[in-house]
Protein backbone atom coordinates (compact mmCIF):
# COMPACT_ATOMS: atom_id res chain seq x y z
CA UNK A 1 30.91 10.47 -63.97
CA UNK A 2 28.52 13.45 -62.66
CA UNK A 3 25.88 10.93 -61.99
CA UNK A 4 28.56 8.93 -59.89
CA UNK A 5 29.79 11.90 -58.01
CA UNK A 6 26.57 13.39 -56.98
CA UNK A 7 25.51 9.56 -55.66
CA UNK A 8 28.80 9.90 -53.41
CA UNK A 9 28.16 13.60 -52.38
CA UNK A 10 24.20 12.50 -51.14
CA UNK A 11 25.78 9.46 -49.10
CA UNK A 12 28.52 11.54 -47.54
CA UNK A 13 25.33 14.09 -46.75
CA UNK A 14 23.02 11.09 -45.41
CA UNK A 15 26.23 10.07 -43.10
CA UNK A 16 26.32 13.56 -41.30
CA UNK A 17 22.45 12.68 -39.84
CA UNK A 18 23.38 9.58 -38.38
CA UNK A 19 24.33 9.67 -34.93
CA UNK A 20 24.43 7.17 -31.72
CA UNK A 21 21.85 7.74 -28.94
CA UNK A 22 24.07 10.09 -26.92
CA UNK A 23 25.14 12.39 -29.55
CA UNK A 24 21.27 12.70 -30.39
CA UNK A 25 20.64 13.44 -26.98
CA UNK A 26 22.82 16.43 -27.64
CA UNK A 27 21.56 17.60 -30.53
CA UNK A 28 17.86 17.52 -28.94
CA UNK A 29 19.42 19.74 -26.30
CA UNK A 30 17.81 20.37 -22.94
CA UNK A 31 14.89 22.69 -22.66
CA UNK A 32 10.99 22.99 -21.63
CA UNK A 33 10.17 19.57 -22.57
CA UNK A 34 13.17 17.45 -20.41
CA UNK A 35 12.30 19.49 -17.81
CA UNK A 36 8.80 19.55 -17.57
CA UNK A 37 8.87 15.71 -17.43
CA UNK A 38 11.55 15.99 -15.19
CA UNK A 39 9.53 17.87 -13.16
CA UNK A 40 6.55 15.32 -12.93
CA UNK A 41 8.82 12.56 -11.94
CA UNK A 42 10.46 14.77 -9.52
CA UNK A 43 6.81 14.92 -7.93
CA UNK A 44 6.62 11.34 -7.74
CA UNK A 45 10.00 11.47 -5.38
CA UNK A 46 8.59 13.90 -3.40
CA UNK A 47 5.55 11.41 -2.82
CA UNK A 48 7.71 8.78 -1.62
CA UNK A 49 9.40 10.58 0.58
CA UNK A 50 6.34 12.21 1.99
CA UNK A 51 4.86 8.69 2.31
CA UNK A 52 8.00 7.36 4.28
CA UNK A 53 8.59 10.38 6.66
CA UNK A 54 4.64 11.13 7.05
CA UNK A 55 4.76 8.31 9.56
CA UNK A 56 6.87 10.47 12.16
CA UNK A 57 4.04 12.38 12.41
CA UNK A 58 0.89 10.56 11.39
CA UNK A 59 1.44 7.72 13.75
CA UNK A 60 1.63 9.95 16.98
CA UNK A 61 -1.47 11.35 15.97
CA UNK A 62 -3.37 8.16 15.48
CA UNK A 63 -2.22 6.08 18.42
CA UNK A 64 -5.58 6.43 20.06
CA UNK A 65 -7.66 6.16 17.52
CA UNK A 66 -6.04 2.95 16.40
CA UNK A 67 -5.36 1.76 19.97
CA UNK A 68 -1.63 1.24 18.81
CA UNK A 69 1.24 0.44 21.41
CA UNK A 70 4.58 1.59 21.06
CA UNK A 71 5.97 -1.75 19.58
CA UNK A 72 3.08 -1.51 17.20
CA UNK A 73 4.02 2.27 16.23
CA UNK A 74 7.62 0.61 15.19
CA UNK A 75 5.88 -2.31 13.34
CA UNK A 76 3.88 -0.40 11.59
CA UNK A 77 6.61 2.55 10.86
CA UNK A 78 8.63 -0.37 9.13
CA UNK A 79 5.99 -1.21 6.80
CA UNK A 80 7.10 0.67 3.87
CA UNK A 81 10.35 -0.45 3.97
CA UNK A 82 9.47 -3.82 3.90
CA UNK A 83 7.26 -3.50 1.13
CA UNK A 84 10.31 -1.63 -1.10
CA UNK A 85 12.46 -4.58 0.26
CA UNK A 86 10.31 -6.98 -0.95
CA UNK A 87 9.48 -5.69 -4.48
CA UNK A 88 12.49 -3.89 -5.58
CA UNK A 89 13.71 -6.93 -7.30
CA UNK A 90 10.70 -7.49 -9.50
CA UNK A 91 9.98 -4.01 -10.38
CA UNK A 92 13.59 -3.49 -11.74
CA UNK A 93 13.19 -6.30 -13.72
CA UNK A 94 9.49 -4.59 -14.77
CA UNK A 95 11.30 -1.17 -15.77
CA UNK A 96 13.94 -2.80 -17.89
CA UNK A 97 11.50 -5.09 -19.48
CA UNK A 98 8.33 -3.51 -19.84
CA UNK A 99 9.21 0.18 -19.63
CA UNK A 100 10.01 2.86 -17.51
CA UNK A 101 6.82 5.14 -18.25
CA UNK A 102 4.16 2.42 -17.81
CA UNK A 103 5.43 0.74 -14.66
CA UNK A 104 5.98 4.24 -13.10
CA UNK A 105 2.17 5.02 -14.10
CA UNK A 106 0.71 1.78 -12.54
CA UNK A 107 2.80 2.05 -9.18
CA UNK A 108 1.70 5.69 -8.80
CA UNK A 109 -1.83 4.87 -9.34
CA UNK A 110 -1.89 2.06 -7.10
CA UNK A 111 0.22 3.47 -4.47
CA UNK A 112 -2.28 6.44 -4.51
CA UNK A 113 -5.19 4.89 -4.24
CA UNK A 114 -4.26 2.52 -1.28
CA UNK A 115 -3.33 5.69 0.63
CA UNK A 116 -6.68 7.04 0.34
CA UNK A 117 -8.13 4.21 1.32
CA UNK A 118 -6.07 3.96 4.25
CA UNK A 119 -7.18 7.27 5.77
CA UNK A 120 -10.54 5.72 6.22
CA UNK A 121 -9.70 2.63 7.84
CA UNK A 122 -11.62 1.88 11.65
CA UNK A 123 -8.83 -0.20 12.79
CA UNK A 124 -5.21 -0.66 13.01
CA UNK A 125 -4.89 -4.34 11.02
CA UNK A 126 -7.18 -2.66 8.22
CA UNK A 127 -5.15 0.64 8.26
CA UNK A 128 -1.72 -1.20 8.22
CA UNK A 129 -2.77 -3.79 5.14
CA UNK A 130 -3.59 -0.44 3.20
CA UNK A 131 -0.48 1.10 3.95
CA UNK A 132 1.18 -2.61 2.82
CA UNK A 133 -0.25 -2.68 -0.53
CA UNK A 134 0.57 0.84 -0.58
CA UNK A 135 4.05 0.05 0.00
CA UNK A 136 4.35 -2.96 -2.48
CA UNK A 137 4.78 0.36 -4.95
CA UNK A 138 7.04 2.55 -3.44
CA UNK A 139 10.01 0.35 -4.98
CA UNK A 140 9.28 2.02 -8.43
CA UNK A 141 8.13 5.24 -7.72
CA UNK A 142 11.23 6.02 -5.34
CA UNK A 143 13.59 4.54 -8.12
CA UNK A 144 12.37 4.24 -11.32
CA UNK A 145 12.45 8.16 -11.90
CA UNK A 146 15.85 8.94 -11.50
CA UNK A 147 16.58 6.17 -14.55
CA UNK A 148 13.73 7.86 -16.60
CA UNK A 149 15.14 11.41 -15.81
CA UNK A 150 18.83 10.32 -16.72
CA UNK A 151 17.93 8.91 -20.05
CA UNK A 152 16.16 12.06 -21.24
CA UNK A 153 18.65 14.38 -20.50
CA UNK A 154 21.89 15.05 -22.57
CA UNK A 155 24.87 13.29 -21.22
CA UNK A 156 26.91 16.90 -20.23
CA UNK A 157 23.51 18.25 -17.74
CA UNK A 158 22.43 14.90 -16.44
CA UNK A 159 24.65 15.23 -13.20
CA UNK A 160 23.51 18.71 -11.83
CA UNK A 161 19.80 17.79 -13.07
CA UNK A 162 19.78 14.88 -11.25
CA UNK A 163 21.03 16.28 -8.04
CA UNK A 164 18.44 19.17 -8.33
CA UNK A 165 15.75 16.68 -8.60
CA UNK A 166 17.71 14.81 -5.65
CA UNK A 167 16.95 17.86 -3.88
CA UNK A 168 13.17 17.43 -4.27
CA UNK A 169 13.19 15.03 -2.18
CA UNK A 170 13.96 17.43 0.76
CA UNK A 171 11.46 19.79 -0.62
CA UNK A 172 8.77 16.68 0.04
CA UNK A 173 10.32 16.33 3.55
CA UNK A 174 9.72 19.91 4.25
CA UNK A 175 5.84 19.45 3.12
CA UNK A 176 5.59 16.96 5.69
CA UNK A 177 5.74 19.55 9.20
CA UNK A 178 3.57 21.87 7.30
CA UNK A 179 0.94 19.98 6.16
CA UNK A 180 0.76 18.23 9.53
CA UNK A 181 0.96 21.58 11.29
CA UNK A 182 -2.17 22.93 9.14
CA UNK A 183 -3.97 19.68 9.53
CA UNK A 184 -3.52 18.22 13.03
CA UNK A 185 -4.31 21.10 15.20
CA UNK A 186 -7.94 21.74 14.00
CA UNK A 187 -8.86 18.93 15.65
CA UNK A 188 -12.27 18.26 14.21
CA UNK A 189 -14.53 15.43 14.58
CA UNK A 190 -17.00 14.02 12.05
CA UNK A 191 -18.51 11.09 13.87
CA UNK A 192 -20.08 8.20 11.51
CA UNK A 193 -22.02 5.54 12.80
CA UNK A 194 -21.87 4.52 16.29
CA UNK A 195 -18.08 4.45 16.94
CA UNK A 196 -16.16 5.79 13.74
CA UNK A 197 -14.81 9.22 14.34
CA UNK A 198 -13.00 11.08 11.36
CA UNK A 199 -10.17 12.90 13.02
CA UNK A 200 -7.62 15.43 11.42
CA UNK A 201 -4.85 12.74 11.27
CA UNK A 202 -7.36 11.08 8.89
CA UNK A 203 -6.87 13.56 6.26
CA UNK A 204 -3.23 13.58 6.06
CA UNK A 205 -3.14 10.27 4.12
CA UNK A 206 -5.66 11.22 1.49
CA UNK A 207 -3.74 14.68 0.76
CA UNK A 208 -0.46 12.71 0.65
CA UNK A 209 -2.17 10.51 -1.98
CA UNK A 210 -2.37 13.41 -4.21
CA UNK A 211 1.29 13.79 -4.73
CA UNK A 212 1.09 10.02 -6.48
CA UNK A 213 -1.97 10.30 -8.46
CA UNK A 214 -1.85 13.57 -10.02
CA UNK A 215 2.10 13.12 -11.25
CA UNK A 216 0.53 9.41 -12.43
CA UNK A 217 -2.25 11.16 -14.32
CA UNK A 218 0.25 13.48 -16.05
CA UNK A 219 2.53 10.72 -17.00
CA UNK A 220 -0.06 9.29 -19.13
CA UNK A 221 0.65 12.08 -21.62
CA UNK A 222 4.89 11.59 -21.28
CA UNK A 223 7.18 9.75 -24.07
CA UNK A 224 9.01 6.39 -23.35
CA UNK A 225 12.65 6.60 -22.49
CA UNK A 226 14.35 6.83 -25.98
CA UNK A 227 17.05 4.23 -24.36
CA UNK A 228 14.42 1.74 -22.98
CA UNK A 229 12.83 2.20 -26.77
CA UNK A 230 16.29 1.32 -28.34
CA UNK A 231 16.98 -1.55 -26.14
CA UNK A 232 13.79 -3.37 -27.19
CA UNK A 233 14.53 -2.49 -31.06
CA UNK A 234 12.04 0.36 -31.48
CA UNK A 235 14.53 2.58 -32.76
CA UNK A 236 12.02 4.62 -34.96
CA UNK A 237 10.12 5.55 -31.79
CA UNK A 238 12.83 6.38 -30.04
CA UNK A 239 13.79 8.85 -32.81
CA UNK A 240 10.17 9.91 -32.83
CA UNK A 241 10.37 10.78 -29.15
CA UNK A 242 13.87 12.79 -30.08
CA UNK A 243 11.91 14.74 -32.99
CA UNK A 244 9.44 15.95 -30.56
CA UNK A 245 12.22 16.53 -27.97
CA UNK A 246 14.13 18.67 -30.16
CA UNK A 247 10.95 20.48 -31.21
CA UNK A 248 9.70 21.16 -27.50
CA UNK A 249 13.33 22.48 -26.37
CA UNK A 250 14.33 24.52 -29.80
CA UNK A 251 10.71 25.91 -30.79
CA UNK A 252 10.80 24.08 -34.31
CA UNK A 253 8.74 21.74 -36.10
CA UNK A 254 9.96 17.95 -35.47
CA UNK A 255 10.54 17.46 -39.24
CA UNK A 256 13.81 19.56 -38.94
CA UNK A 257 15.60 17.72 -36.34
CA UNK A 258 18.73 16.76 -38.43
CA UNK A 259 19.29 13.26 -37.02
CA UNK A 260 17.54 11.04 -39.29
CA UNK A 261 18.67 7.59 -38.23
CA UNK A 262 20.08 6.32 -34.81
CA UNK A 263 23.35 4.36 -34.60
CA UNK A 264 22.60 1.29 -32.19
CA UNK A 265 22.88 -2.13 -31.55
CA UNK A 266 19.76 -3.18 -29.41
CA UNK A 267 20.06 -5.67 -26.63
CA UNK A 268 18.56 -8.81 -28.01
CA UNK A 269 15.75 -10.24 -25.72
CA UNK A 270 14.77 -14.14 -26.07
CA UNK A 271 11.37 -14.60 -25.15
CA UNK A 272 11.49 -16.65 -22.28
CA UNK A 273 9.22 -17.45 -18.72
CA UNK A 274 9.12 -14.68 -16.18
CA UNK A 275 11.79 -16.86 -13.71
CA UNK A 276 14.30 -17.32 -16.95
CA UNK A 277 13.71 -13.77 -17.85
CA UNK A 278 14.74 -12.43 -14.54
CA UNK A 279 17.49 -14.46 -14.69
CA UNK A 280 19.04 -13.33 -18.12
CA UNK A 281 18.30 -10.16 -16.72
CA UNK A 282 20.23 -10.64 -13.40
CA UNK A 283 23.30 -12.85 -14.23
CA UNK A 284 25.34 -10.19 -15.72
CA UNK A 285 25.26 -8.17 -12.83
CA UNK A 286 26.93 -10.99 -10.91
CA UNK A 287 30.04 -10.26 -12.85
CA UNK A 288 32.59 -8.43 -10.78
CA UNK A 289 32.74 -5.50 -13.26
CA UNK A 290 29.14 -4.69 -11.82
CA UNK A 291 29.13 -6.59 -8.74
CA UNK A 292 31.43 -4.44 -7.03
CA UNK A 293 29.91 -0.82 -7.60
CA UNK A 294 26.49 -2.66 -6.89
CA UNK A 295 27.38 -3.63 -3.73
CA UNK A 296 29.39 -0.42 -2.82
CA UNK A 297 26.26 1.95 -4.28
CA UNK A 298 24.12 -0.30 -2.00
CA UNK A 299 26.05 -0.08 1.04
CA UNK A 300 26.53 3.89 0.82
CA UNK A 301 22.62 3.91 0.45
CA UNK A 302 22.32 1.83 3.42
CA UNK A 303 24.12 4.33 5.22
CA UNK A 304 22.14 7.29 4.13
CA UNK A 305 18.79 5.40 4.58
CA UNK A 306 19.55 4.03 7.77
CA UNK A 307 19.89 7.65 9.20
CA UNK A 308 17.35 9.19 6.79
CA UNK A 309 14.44 6.96 6.97
CA UNK A 310 15.50 5.05 10.17
CA UNK A 311 16.72 7.18 12.62
CA UNK A 312 15.07 9.93 11.21
CA UNK A 313 11.59 8.66 11.97
CA UNK A 314 12.38 8.94 15.60
CA UNK A 315 13.34 12.74 15.37
CA UNK A 316 10.20 14.35 16.21
CA UNK A 317 9.36 12.49 19.38
CA UNK A 318 13.09 12.44 20.51
CA UNK A 319 13.03 16.61 20.22
CA UNK A 320 9.65 16.67 21.61
CA UNK A 321 11.02 14.65 24.99
CA UNK A 322 14.03 16.76 25.24
CA UNK A 323 12.51 20.33 24.22
CA UNK A 324 9.43 20.00 26.66
CA UNK A 325 11.80 18.55 29.56
CA UNK A 326 14.32 21.31 30.03
CA UNK A 327 17.56 20.06 29.63
CA UNK A 328 18.83 21.70 33.11
CA UNK A 329 22.90 21.00 32.03
CA UNK A 330 21.89 17.24 30.97
CA UNK A 331 22.92 15.94 27.89
CA UNK A 332 20.03 14.72 25.48
CA UNK A 333 20.67 11.17 26.16
CA UNK A 334 20.10 11.72 30.06
CA UNK A 335 17.09 13.64 29.57
CA UNK A 336 15.69 10.43 27.35
CA UNK A 337 17.01 8.38 30.02
CA UNK A 338 15.35 9.98 32.60
CA UNK A 339 11.76 10.44 31.13
CA UNK A 340 12.02 6.79 30.01
CA UNK A 341 12.53 6.06 33.97
CA UNK A 342 9.59 8.11 35.56
CA UNK A 343 6.80 6.28 36.48
CA UNK A 344 3.82 5.87 34.35
CA UNK A 345 0.49 5.64 35.30
CA UNK A 346 -1.38 2.40 33.79
CA UNK A 347 -5.04 4.03 33.71
CA UNK A 348 -4.07 7.25 32.06
CA UNK A 349 -6.30 8.81 29.49
CA UNK A 350 -4.69 8.35 25.77
CA UNK A 351 -2.90 11.41 24.97
CA UNK A 352 -1.81 11.57 21.04
CA UNK A 353 -1.59 15.50 21.56
CA UNK A 354 1.67 16.87 19.64
CA UNK A 355 3.48 19.70 21.00
CA UNK A 356 3.51 22.94 18.61
CA UNK A 357 7.01 23.36 19.27
CA UNK A 358 7.19 20.21 17.49
CA UNK A 359 6.05 21.16 14.20
CA UNK A 360 7.55 24.38 14.49
CA UNK A 361 11.42 23.26 15.14
CA UNK A 362 10.44 20.32 12.15
CA UNK A 363 9.26 23.12 9.89
CA UNK A 364 12.07 25.11 10.37
CA UNK A 365 14.55 22.72 10.07
CA UNK A 366 12.99 21.10 7.03
CA UNK A 367 12.70 24.28 5.21
CA UNK A 368 16.26 25.43 6.04
CA UNK A 369 17.52 21.84 4.89
CA UNK A 370 15.26 22.62 1.32
CA UNK A 371 17.22 26.01 0.96
CA UNK A 372 20.46 24.76 1.55
CA UNK A 373 19.73 21.51 -0.98
CA UNK A 374 18.41 23.84 -3.70
CA UNK A 375 21.77 26.01 -3.50
CA UNK A 376 24.17 22.81 -3.23
CA UNK A 377 22.58 21.08 -5.80
CA UNK A 378 22.52 24.11 -8.30
CA UNK A 379 26.39 24.46 -7.36
CA UNK A 380 27.34 20.88 -7.52
CA UNK A 381 28.96 21.39 -11.12
CA UNK A 382 31.80 23.30 -9.66
CA UNK A 383 32.77 20.83 -7.10
CA UNK A 384 31.39 17.27 -8.45
CA UNK A 385 29.01 14.67 -7.10
CA UNK A 386 31.90 12.64 -5.17
CA UNK A 387 32.71 15.38 -3.12
CA UNK A 388 28.94 16.45 -2.47
CA UNK A 389 28.61 12.90 -1.47
CA UNK A 390 31.49 12.49 0.52
CA UNK A 391 30.73 15.66 2.13
CA UNK A 392 27.21 15.01 3.15
CA UNK A 393 28.23 11.63 5.13
CA UNK A 394 31.39 13.53 6.98
CA UNK A 395 29.08 16.33 7.90
CA UNK A 396 26.45 14.12 9.34
CA UNK A 397 28.64 11.60 10.88
CA UNK A 398 30.28 14.34 13.13
CA UNK A 399 27.21 16.05 14.10
CA UNK A 400 25.98 12.62 15.19
CA UNK A 401 28.49 12.25 17.65
CA UNK A 402 28.84 15.36 18.92
CA UNK A 403 25.07 15.18 20.11
CA UNK A 404 26.54 13.17 22.86
CA UNK A 405 28.48 16.05 24.24
CA UNK A 406 26.18 19.31 24.10
CA UNK A 407 24.02 20.06 27.10
CA UNK A 408 21.96 22.78 25.30
CA UNK A 409 18.60 22.15 23.98
CA UNK A 410 18.82 24.32 20.90
CA UNK A 411 22.14 22.99 20.30
CA UNK A 412 20.79 19.61 20.16
CA UNK A 413 17.97 20.24 17.89
CA UNK A 414 20.55 22.07 15.49
CA UNK A 415 22.47 19.08 15.36
CA UNK A 416 19.95 16.60 14.74
CA UNK A 417 17.55 18.42 12.61
CA UNK A 418 19.99 18.24 9.53
CA UNK A 419 19.31 14.93 8.85
CA UNK A 420 17.40 15.28 5.85
CA UNK A 421 20.30 16.90 4.13
CA UNK A 422 21.80 13.10 3.74
CA UNK A 423 19.11 12.59 0.85
CA UNK A 424 21.67 14.98 -1.24
CA UNK A 425 23.82 11.74 -1.23
CA UNK A 426 21.05 9.83 -2.87
CA UNK A 427 21.35 11.36 -6.49
CA UNK A 428 24.96 11.37 -6.67
CA UNK A 429 25.01 7.60 -5.76
CA UNK A 430 22.28 6.76 -8.27
CA UNK A 431 24.17 9.06 -11.15
CA UNK A 432 26.94 6.89 -10.40
CA UNK A 433 24.69 3.72 -10.98
CA UNK A 434 23.44 5.38 -14.16
CA UNK A 435 27.08 6.11 -15.30
CA UNK A 436 28.77 2.59 -14.35
CA UNK A 437 25.84 0.31 -15.91
CA UNK A 438 24.57 -0.69 -19.59
CA UNK A 439 21.31 0.49 -20.58
CA UNK A 440 19.63 -2.68 -20.51
CA UNK A 441 21.02 -3.53 -16.94
CA UNK A 442 20.56 0.03 -15.54
CA UNK A 443 17.09 0.11 -14.39
CA UNK A 444 17.76 -3.14 -12.27
CA UNK A 445 21.13 -1.92 -10.80
CA UNK A 446 19.23 1.27 -9.82
CA UNK A 447 16.37 -0.98 -8.01
CA UNK A 448 18.77 -3.38 -6.44
CA UNK A 449 20.96 -0.66 -5.08
CA UNK A 450 18.17 1.19 -3.66
CA UNK A 451 16.76 -2.24 -2.18
CA UNK A 452 19.70 -2.76 -0.36
CA UNK A 453 19.63 0.88 0.84
CA UNK A 454 16.14 0.36 1.82
CA UNK A 455 17.69 -2.48 4.25
CA UNK A 456 18.98 0.25 5.98
CA UNK A 457 15.76 2.21 6.55
CA UNK A 458 14.27 -1.18 8.62
CA UNK A 459 17.74 -1.33 10.33
CA UNK A 460 18.10 2.11 10.99
CA UNK A 461 14.39 2.59 12.50
CA UNK A 462 14.26 -0.99 14.77
CA UNK A 463 17.90 -0.40 16.14
CA UNK A 464 16.76 3.58 16.96
CA UNK A 465 13.69 2.38 18.48
CA UNK A 466 15.57 -0.26 20.38
CA UNK A 467 18.60 1.84 21.56
CA UNK A 468 16.68 5.07 22.28
CA UNK A 469 15.89 4.88 25.64
CA UNK A 470 18.65 2.59 27.29
CA UNK A 471 21.87 2.79 24.80
CA UNK A 472 21.10 6.53 23.65
CA UNK A 473 24.72 7.37 23.34
CA UNK A 474 25.85 3.99 21.81
CA UNK A 475 22.96 4.48 19.26
CA UNK A 476 24.55 8.15 18.21
CA UNK A 477 27.93 6.97 17.94
CA UNK A 478 26.85 4.24 16.20
CA UNK A 479 24.87 6.21 13.49
CA UNK A 480 27.83 8.64 13.26
CA UNK A 481 30.77 5.94 12.82
CA UNK A 482 28.40 4.27 10.00
CA UNK A 483 28.30 7.65 8.13
CA UNK A 484 31.99 8.02 8.93
CA UNK A 485 32.69 4.59 7.25
CA UNK A 486 30.67 5.42 4.17
CA UNK A 487 32.34 8.59 3.53
CA UNK A 488 35.61 6.81 3.46
CA UNK A 489 34.15 4.12 1.15
CA UNK A 490 33.02 6.82 -1.33
CA UNK A 491 36.68 7.67 -2.21
CA UNK A 492 36.51 4.43 -4.17
CA UNK A 493 34.27 5.81 -6.66
CA UNK A 494 35.88 6.88 -9.81
CA UNK A 495 35.77 10.58 -10.76
CA UNK A 496 32.84 11.86 -12.83
CA UNK A 497 33.43 11.06 -16.52
CA UNK A 498 30.95 11.05 -19.21
CA UNK A 499 27.94 8.83 -19.63
CA UNK A 500 28.35 5.37 -21.28
CA UNK A 501 27.55 5.20 -24.75
CA UNK A 502 26.09 2.71 -27.02
CA UNK A 503 28.80 1.05 -28.35
CA UNK A 504 30.07 0.24 -24.67
CA UNK A 505 26.81 -1.48 -23.83
CA UNK A 506 26.95 -3.44 -27.09
CA UNK A 507 30.45 -4.53 -26.52
CA UNK A 508 29.67 -5.59 -22.44
CA UNK A 509 26.63 -7.29 -23.52
CA UNK A 510 28.59 -9.21 -25.90
CA UNK A 511 31.07 -10.57 -23.36
């Protein structure tokens, strides 16, 4: 009788150390272990934004050495977004089926290597090819870290950490004019051979490459996402990651982690061919339950990126035109139109000089946006990610429309320069994607929504290039209206709720 009661007590005690993955993450807590890997992954988000926005200052400084026309400049500026668009889908598949960590390491190192090579390329074609191959890896580097970070954090800390990490992109944007200002004006010349000259602009892509290579090497020592491990039937490995996480956060031994078993129903994966596997991975996303959120989040990101990466690529050049021309009581669009209609000397010497004022205005605006982003991100828990997102859309939408009414150069620069603040909306949108989709579809969902967003980058950069000279006012009205429309659509998103549980993933996977 005593023996039977003892066995019963042992069974009850054993049950107390069994938990699902979300509960296990809560027990592991948050501390140095989670935060150090979140920081490394944030460096990759910085790398992706530096690579994209860096074009706004690298290309104007390279027009003479690469013999690049304005139309070619616009085409080259679209390469990163085209690469992301082409590869978002396969990267989403690989991240979901081959692991977050492995794919991020591969993509970041390859992107870094091709960025280094681009700095040495002698002509436009070879330069563009290196940039294209590098861009094929950006879809993973710019999206997968969000999924990875969200899956190593307890649910109650996820929103604020993702939003703070999102502000890292604005910090990365602030690095662009600062680095360019420190390097481009030095104007050194290293002559190699008969015609090759290594000038300051070539050093910039090499420096930008370190933002990919360093985090990529550091992630070699990182663990895999425990949620991914559970989804591929590796619960023991997931438990080991959680034990190390607990030890790192609490300063205790891994063996002291109280959870001894994970309750989880892993997603069954059949061994099929690549195309069949992609189909299996993607068909569930066509269910209206998921499709509606995928389309909504994708369109919101379309609005964000059409301004953040599209219109913004022209901001340094536009500000330079307005500031150096002198307003004279004219609006910015009137100044741009007048300068466009000035007579151009056909045989004029190529001039790739960037005025110092351009660096100053961009540096001040980017640093200011970075400070604002950090302050807002750290307080997002008080007003929620949904209000933050809607506020970003409405604020920049109104600013874009007001540009057509101001005749003061400084006010114009003030209204146009805060565009990087739109990056604050990316984190909340991706946080909703992590929240609304099950584990086995999450990487694909984030990648696809980011892919739809990157269409906005291509759209924005090309539309701005076509309209800036002759249809400037219509352009700003259009971008402002798009942002206001996105802000209104964002009300459809549900209010913040707890992250999905493994039990929800299991039920929906079976339906």
